[in-house]
Amino acid sequence: MAALVELERRVTWAGGLVLRLGHLYGPGSSFAPQGGFGRQLRAGRVALVGDGASMLSFIHAHDVATAILAAVEHPTAAGVVNIVDDQPTLVHDWLAEMAAMVGAPAPRHVPAVLARLVTGGWGVAYMTGLAGASNLLARHQLDWKPVYSSWRDGLTADLGVRAP
């Protein structure tokens, strides 16, 4: 993380633009129904750790492409801009809904103290302590907005099914 923060600092100091992407999903990604995470979810190997209170921000691959094009078309844009959808989501909501959408069993609950033994502190923090990101700067500086306002919309479109 320190290296990424330093890289962002150097880019912005030089007047450049940093695009911070949310959790990337879409065809070919780990979060695609046939991707690595989707397979683990269907196999019942994904657990809800602790209270699942992390707030995750997602972004569809199509929306990333349009954000990159918008950045190219706005060469004076500078700073750090989040490329995320409009609706950050709590892990405990997202996991249950995604499991239902891909035909996976509901994730089992694992207390944080037990999960820490297996995943370490970062794994527990990922599920219980992250804050979502806002795309307001991208909307303002790049005149950009995502086609898929939430991961539900994008995954529904990719699957051709209705959200539960």
C-alpha atoms as a PDB file:
ATOM      1  CA  MET A   1       0.000   0.000   0.000  1.00  0.00           C
ATOM      2  CA  ALA A   2       2.818   2.381   0.809  1.00  0.00           C
ATOM      3  CA  ALA A   3       4.219   1.981  -2.712  1.00  0.00           C
ATOM      4  CA  LEU A   4       0.823   2.735  -4.251  1.00  0.00           C
ATOM      5  CA  VAL A   5       0.358   5.812  -2.072  1.00  0.00           C
ATOM      6  CA  GLU A   6       3.811   7.039  -3.058  1.00  0.00           C
ATOM      7  CA  LEU A   7       3.091   6.446  -6.748  1.00  0.00           C
ATOM      8  CA  GLU A   8      -0.177   8.366  -6.476  1.00  0.00           C
ATOM      9  CA  ARG A   9       1.647  11.193  -4.705  1.00  0.00           C
ATOM     10  CA  ARG A  10       4.241  11.439  -7.456  1.00  0.00           C
ATOM     11  CA  VAL A  11       1.671  11.345 -10.273  1.00  0.00           C
ATOM     12  CA  THR A  12      -0.505  14.020  -8.703  1.00  0.00           C
ATOM     13  CA  TRP A  13       2.531  16.172  -7.784  1.00  0.00           C
ATOM     14  CA  ALA A  14       3.458  16.127 -11.479  1.00  0.00           C
ATOM     15  CA  GLY A  15      -0.088  17.251 -12.374  1.00  0.00           C
ATOM     16  CA  GLY A  16      -1.230  13.834 -13.526  1.00  0.00           C
ATOM     17  CA  LEU A  17      -4.426  11.893 -13.081  1.00  0.00           C
ATOM     18  CA  VAL A  18      -4.792   8.675 -11.077  1.00  0.00           C
ATOM     19  CA  LEU A  19      -7.835   6.498 -11.718  1.00  0.00           C
ATOM     20  CA  ARG A  20      -8.635   4.317  -8.716  1.00  0.00           C
ATOM     21  CA  LEU A  21     -10.792   1.421  -9.836  1.00  0.00           C
ATOM     22  CA  GLY A  22     -13.379  -0.252  -7.653  1.00  0.00           C
ATOM     23  CA  HIS A  23     -13.695  -4.026  -7.526  1.00  0.00           C
ATOM     24  CA  LEU A  24     -13.649  -4.891 -11.214  1.00  0.00           C
ATOM     25  CA  TYR A  25     -16.299  -7.290 -12.457  1.00  0.00           C
ATOM     26  CA  GLY A  26     -17.649  -8.301 -15.826  1.00  0.00           C
ATOM     27  CA  PRO A  27     -16.845 -10.936 -18.432  1.00  0.00           C
ATOM     28  CA  GLY A  28     -13.450 -12.511 -17.817  1.00  0.00           C
ATOM     29  CA  SER A  29     -13.016 -11.150 -14.290  1.00  0.00           C
ATOM     30  CA  SER A  30     -12.720 -13.096 -11.056  1.00  0.00           C
ATOM     31  CA  PHE A  31     -16.153 -11.761 -10.052  1.00  0.00           C
ATOM     32  CA  ALA A  32     -17.781 -12.997 -13.272  1.00  0.00           C
ATOM     33  CA  PRO A  33     -20.095 -15.974 -12.693  1.00  0.00           C
ATOM     34  CA  GLN A  34     -17.498 -18.319 -14.241  1.00  0.00           C
ATOM     35  CA  GLY A  35     -14.512 -16.464 -12.721  1.00  0.00           C
ATOM     36  CA  GLY A  36     -12.481 -17.689  -9.779  1.00  0.00           C
ATOM     37  CA  PHE A  37     -14.603 -15.997  -7.126  1.00  0.00           C
ATOM     38  CA  GLY A  38     -17.834 -17.166  -8.765  1.00  0.00           C
ATOM     39  CA  ARG A  39     -16.564 -20.760  -8.792  1.00  0.00           C
ATOM     40  CA  GLN A  40     -15.532 -20.557  -5.126  1.00  0.00           C
ATOM     41  CA  LEU A  41     -18.921 -19.097  -4.233  1.00  0.00           C
ATOM     42  CA  ARG A  42     -20.808 -21.894  -6.015  1.00  0.00           C
ATOM     43  CA  ALA A  43     -18.581 -24.493  -4.351  1.00  0.00           C
ATOM     44  CA  GLY A  44     -19.520 -23.103  -0.915  1.00  0.00           C
ATOM     45  CA  ARG A  45     -15.948 -22.001  -0.166  1.00  0.00           C
ATOM     46  CA  VAL A  46     -16.769 -18.346   0.557  1.00  0.00           C
ATOM     47  CA  ALA A  47     -17.707 -17.338   4.083  1.00  0.00           C
ATOM     48  CA  LEU A  48     -19.190 -14.208   5.557  1.00  0.00           C
ATOM     49  CA  VAL A  49     -16.592 -13.073   8.065  1.00  0.00           C
ATOM     50  CA  GLY A  50     -17.705 -11.269  11.203  1.00  0.00           C
ATOM     51  CA  ASP A  51     -20.473  -8.758  10.640  1.00  0.00           C
ATOM     52  CA  GLY A  52     -19.639  -8.284   6.940  1.00  0.00           C
ATOM     53  CA  ALA A  53     -19.809  -4.524   7.495  1.00  0.00           C
ATOM     54  CA  SER A  54     -17.209  -3.551   4.894  1.00  0.00           C
ATOM     55  CA  MET A  55     -18.588  -1.235   2.258  1.00  0.00           C
ATOM     56  CA  LEU A  56     -17.340  -2.314  -1.178  1.00  0.00           C
ATOM     57  CA  SER A  57     -17.368  -0.255  -4.346  1.00  0.00           C
ATOM     58  CA  PHE A  58     -17.622  -2.120  -7.644  1.00  0.00           C
ATOM     59  CA  ILE A  59     -17.180  -1.175 -11.303  1.00  0.00           C
ATOM     60  CA  HIS A  60     -18.086  -3.062 -14.473  1.00  0.00           C
ATOM     61  CA  ALA A  61     -15.364  -3.544 -17.104  1.00  0.00           C
ATOM     62  CA  HIS A  62     -17.457  -1.615 -19.644  1.00  0.00           C
ATOM     63  CA  ASP A  63     -17.636   1.362 -17.282  1.00  0.00           C
ATOM     64  CA  VAL A  64     -13.870   1.262 -16.729  1.00  0.00           C
ATOM     65  CA  ALA A  65     -13.355   1.501 -20.478  1.00  0.00           C
ATOM     66  CA  THR A  66     -15.663   4.518 -20.742  1.00  0.00           C
ATOM     67  CA  ALA A  67     -13.891   6.175 -17.783  1.00  0.00           C
ATOM     68  CA  ILE A  68     -10.495   5.729 -19.438  1.00  0.00           C
ATOM     69  CA  LEU A  69     -11.850   7.266 -22.641  1.00  0.00           C
ATOM     70  CA  ALA A  70     -13.281  10.160 -20.629  1.00  0.00           C
ATOM     71  CA  ALA A  71      -9.879  10.696 -18.991  1.00  0.00           C
ATOM     72  CA  VAL A  72      -8.186  10.821 -22.392  1.00  0.00           C
ATOM     73  CA  GLU A  73     -10.786  13.339 -23.578  1.00  0.00           C
ATOM     74  CA  HIS A  74     -10.145  15.547 -20.517  1.00  0.00           C
ATOM     75  CA  PRO A  75      -6.349  15.989 -20.535  1.00  0.00           C
ATOM     76  CA  THR A  76      -6.455  18.768 -17.934  1.00  0.00           C
ATOM     77  CA  ALA A  77      -8.073  16.517 -15.310  1.00  0.00           C
ATOM     78  CA  ALA A  78      -5.728  15.898 -12.400  1.00  0.00           C
ATOM     79  CA  GLY A  79      -5.665  14.349  -8.976  1.00  0.00           C
ATOM     80  CA  VAL A  80      -7.029  11.070  -7.674  1.00  0.00           C
ATOM     81  CA  VAL A  81     -10.415  10.029  -9.070  1.00  0.00           C
ATOM     82  CA  ASN A  82     -12.420   6.971  -8.044  1.00  0.00           C
ATOM     83  CA  ILE A  83     -13.925   4.955 -10.879  1.00  0.00           C
ATOM     84  CA  VAL A  84     -16.746   3.150  -9.103  1.00  0.00           C
ATOM     85  CA  ASP A  85     -20.472   2.654  -9.495  1.00  0.00           C
ATOM     86  CA  ASP A  86     -23.075   4.773  -7.726  1.00  0.00           C
ATOM     87  CA  GLN A  87     -23.997   2.349  -4.966  1.00  0.00           C
ATOM     88  CA  PRO A  88     -21.354   1.005  -2.601  1.00  0.00           C
ATOM     89  CA  THR A  89     -22.665  -2.155  -0.941  1.00  0.00           C
ATOM     90  CA  LEU A  90     -22.181  -3.895   2.370  1.00  0.00           C
ATOM     91  CA  VAL A  91     -20.366  -7.223   2.156  1.00  0.00           C
ATOM     92  CA  HIS A  92     -23.136  -9.051   4.027  1.00  0.00           C
ATOM     93  CA  ASP A  93     -25.725  -7.855   1.472  1.00  0.00           C
ATOM     94  CA  TRP A  94     -23.522  -8.354  -1.580  1.00  0.00           C
ATOM     95  CA  LEU A  95     -22.400 -11.901  -0.739  1.00  0.00           C
ATOM     96  CA  ALA A  96     -25.920 -13.174  -0.144  1.00  0.00           C
ATOM     97  CA  GLU A  97     -27.321 -11.526  -3.285  1.00  0.00           C
ATOM     98  CA  MET A  98     -24.458 -12.569  -5.525  1.00  0.00           C
ATOM     99  CA  ALA A  99     -24.703 -16.146  -4.267  1.00  0.00           C
ATOM    100  CA  ALA A 100     -28.409 -16.227  -5.137  1.00  0.00           C
ATOM    101  CA  MET A 101     -27.781 -14.714  -8.577  1.00  0.00           C
ATOM    102  CA  VAL A 102     -25.181 -17.328  -9.542  1.00  0.00           C
ATOM    103  CA  GLY A 103     -27.020 -20.269  -7.986  1.00  0.00           C
ATOM    104  CA  ALA A 104     -24.621 -20.695  -5.071  1.00  0.00           C
ATOM    105  CA  PRO A 105     -25.447 -21.684  -1.515  1.00  0.00           C
ATOM    106  CA  ALA A 106     -25.782 -18.861   1.003  1.00  0.00           C
ATOM    107  CA  PRO A 107     -22.340 -18.115   2.474  1.00  0.00           C
ATOM    108  CA  ARG A 108     -21.858 -19.518   5.953  1.00  0.00           C
ATOM    109  CA  HIS A 109     -20.938 -17.181   8.792  1.00  0.00           C
ATOM    110  CA  VAL A 110     -17.505 -17.381  10.390  1.00  0.00           C
ATOM    111  CA  PRO A 111     -16.716 -15.293  13.475  1.00  0.00           C
ATOM    112  CA  ALA A 112     -13.924 -12.780  12.897  1.00  0.00           C
ATOM    113  CA  VAL A 113     -11.753 -14.253  15.638  1.00  0.00           C
ATOM    114  CA  LEU A 114     -11.733 -17.648  13.887  1.00  0.00           C
ATOM    115  CA  ALA A 115     -11.278 -16.171  10.405  1.00  0.00           C
ATOM    116  CA  ARG A 116      -8.227 -14.234  11.617  1.00  0.00           C
ATOM    117  CA  LEU A 117      -6.484 -17.566  12.293  1.00  0.00           C
ATOM    118  CA  VAL A 118      -6.907 -18.554   8.634  1.00  0.00           C
ATOM    119  CA  THR A 119      -6.860 -15.298   6.683  1.00  0.00           C
ATOM    120  CA  GLY A 120      -4.936 -13.033   9.009  1.00  0.00           C
ATOM    121  CA  GLY A 121      -5.776  -9.457   9.876  1.00  0.00           C
ATOM    122  CA  TRP A 122      -6.140  -8.262   6.278  1.00  0.00           C
ATOM    123  CA  GLY A 123      -8.743 -10.908   5.414  1.00  0.00           C
ATOM    124  CA  VAL A 124     -10.863  -9.913   8.397  1.00  0.00           C
ATOM    125  CA  ALA A 125     -10.417  -6.187   7.710  1.00  0.00           C
ATOM    126  CA  TYR A 126     -11.436  -6.738   4.081  1.00  0.00           C
ATOM    127  CA  MET A 127     -14.768  -8.216   5.176  1.00  0.00           C
ATOM    128  CA  THR A 128     -15.440  -5.981   8.175  1.00  0.00           C
ATOM    129  CA  GLY A 129     -13.659  -2.625   7.941  1.00  0.00           C
ATOM    130  CA  LEU A 130     -13.462  -1.099   4.454  1.00  0.00           C
ATOM    131  CA  ALA A 131     -15.259   2.088   3.442  1.00  0.00           C
ATOM    132  CA  GLY A 132     -16.903   2.573   0.054  1.00  0.00           C
ATOM    133  CA  ALA A 133     -15.744   5.162  -2.472  1.00  0.00           C
ATOM    134  CA  SER A 134     -17.564   7.938  -4.297  1.00  0.00           C
ATOM    135  CA  ASN A 135     -17.484   8.691  -8.027  1.00  0.00           C
ATOM    136  CA  LEU A 136     -18.393  12.385  -7.638  1.00  0.00           C
ATOM    137  CA  LEU A 137     -14.984  13.625  -8.809  1.00  0.00           C
ATOM    138  CA  ALA A 138     -15.135  11.405 -11.889  1.00  0.00           C
ATOM    139  CA  ARG A 139     -18.577  12.791 -12.689  1.00  0.00           C
ATOM    140  CA  HIS A 140     -17.314  16.349 -12.271  1.00  0.00           C
ATOM    141  CA  GLN A 141     -13.774  16.261 -13.692  1.00  0.00           C
ATOM    142  CA  LEU A 142     -14.311  13.717 -16.450  1.00  0.00           C
ATOM    143  CA  ASP A 143     -17.993  14.293 -17.193  1.00  0.00           C
ATOM    144  CA  TRP A 144     -18.381  10.543 -16.712  1.00  0.00           C
ATOM    145  CA  LYS A 145     -20.996   8.320 -15.146  1.00  0.00           C
ATOM    146  CA  PRO A 146     -21.280   4.545 -15.071  1.00  0.00           C
ATOM    147  CA  VAL A 147     -23.755   2.769 -17.312  1.00  0.00           C
ATOM    148  CA  TYR A 148     -24.321   0.258 -14.512  1.00  0.00           C
ATOM    149  CA  SER A 149     -25.267   2.221 -11.403  1.00  0.00           C
ATOM    150  CA  SER A 150     -24.729  -0.830  -9.176  1.00  0.00           C
ATOM    151  CA  TRP A 151     -23.071  -4.225  -9.332  1.00  0.00           C
ATOM    152  CA  ARG A 152     -26.592  -5.709  -9.322  1.00  0.00           C
ATOM    153  CA  ASP A 153     -27.410  -3.971 -12.602  1.00  0.00           C
ATOM    154  CA  GLY A 154     -24.181  -5.043 -14.260  1.00  0.00           C
ATOM    155  CA  LEU A 155     -24.297  -8.647 -13.098  1.00  0.00           C
ATOM    156  CA  THR A 156     -27.962  -8.886 -14.031  1.00  0.00           C
ATOM    157  CA  ALA A 157     -27.105  -7.679 -17.539  1.00  0.00           C
ATOM    158  CA  ASP A 158     -24.168 -10.102 -17.794  1.00  0.00           C
ATOM    159  CA  LEU A 159     -26.276 -13.040 -16.622  1.00  0.00           C
ATOM    160  CA  GLY A 160     -29.456 -12.098 -18.440  1.00  0.00           C
ATOM    161  CA  VAL A 161     -31.433 -12.690 -15.236  1.00  0.00           C
ATOM    162  CA  ARG A 162     -33.355 -10.587 -12.759  1.00  0.00           C
ATOM    163  CA  ALA A 163     -31.811  -9.621  -9.436  1.00  0.00           C
ATOM    164  CA  PRO A 164     -33.305 -11.471  -6.431  1.00  0.00           C
END
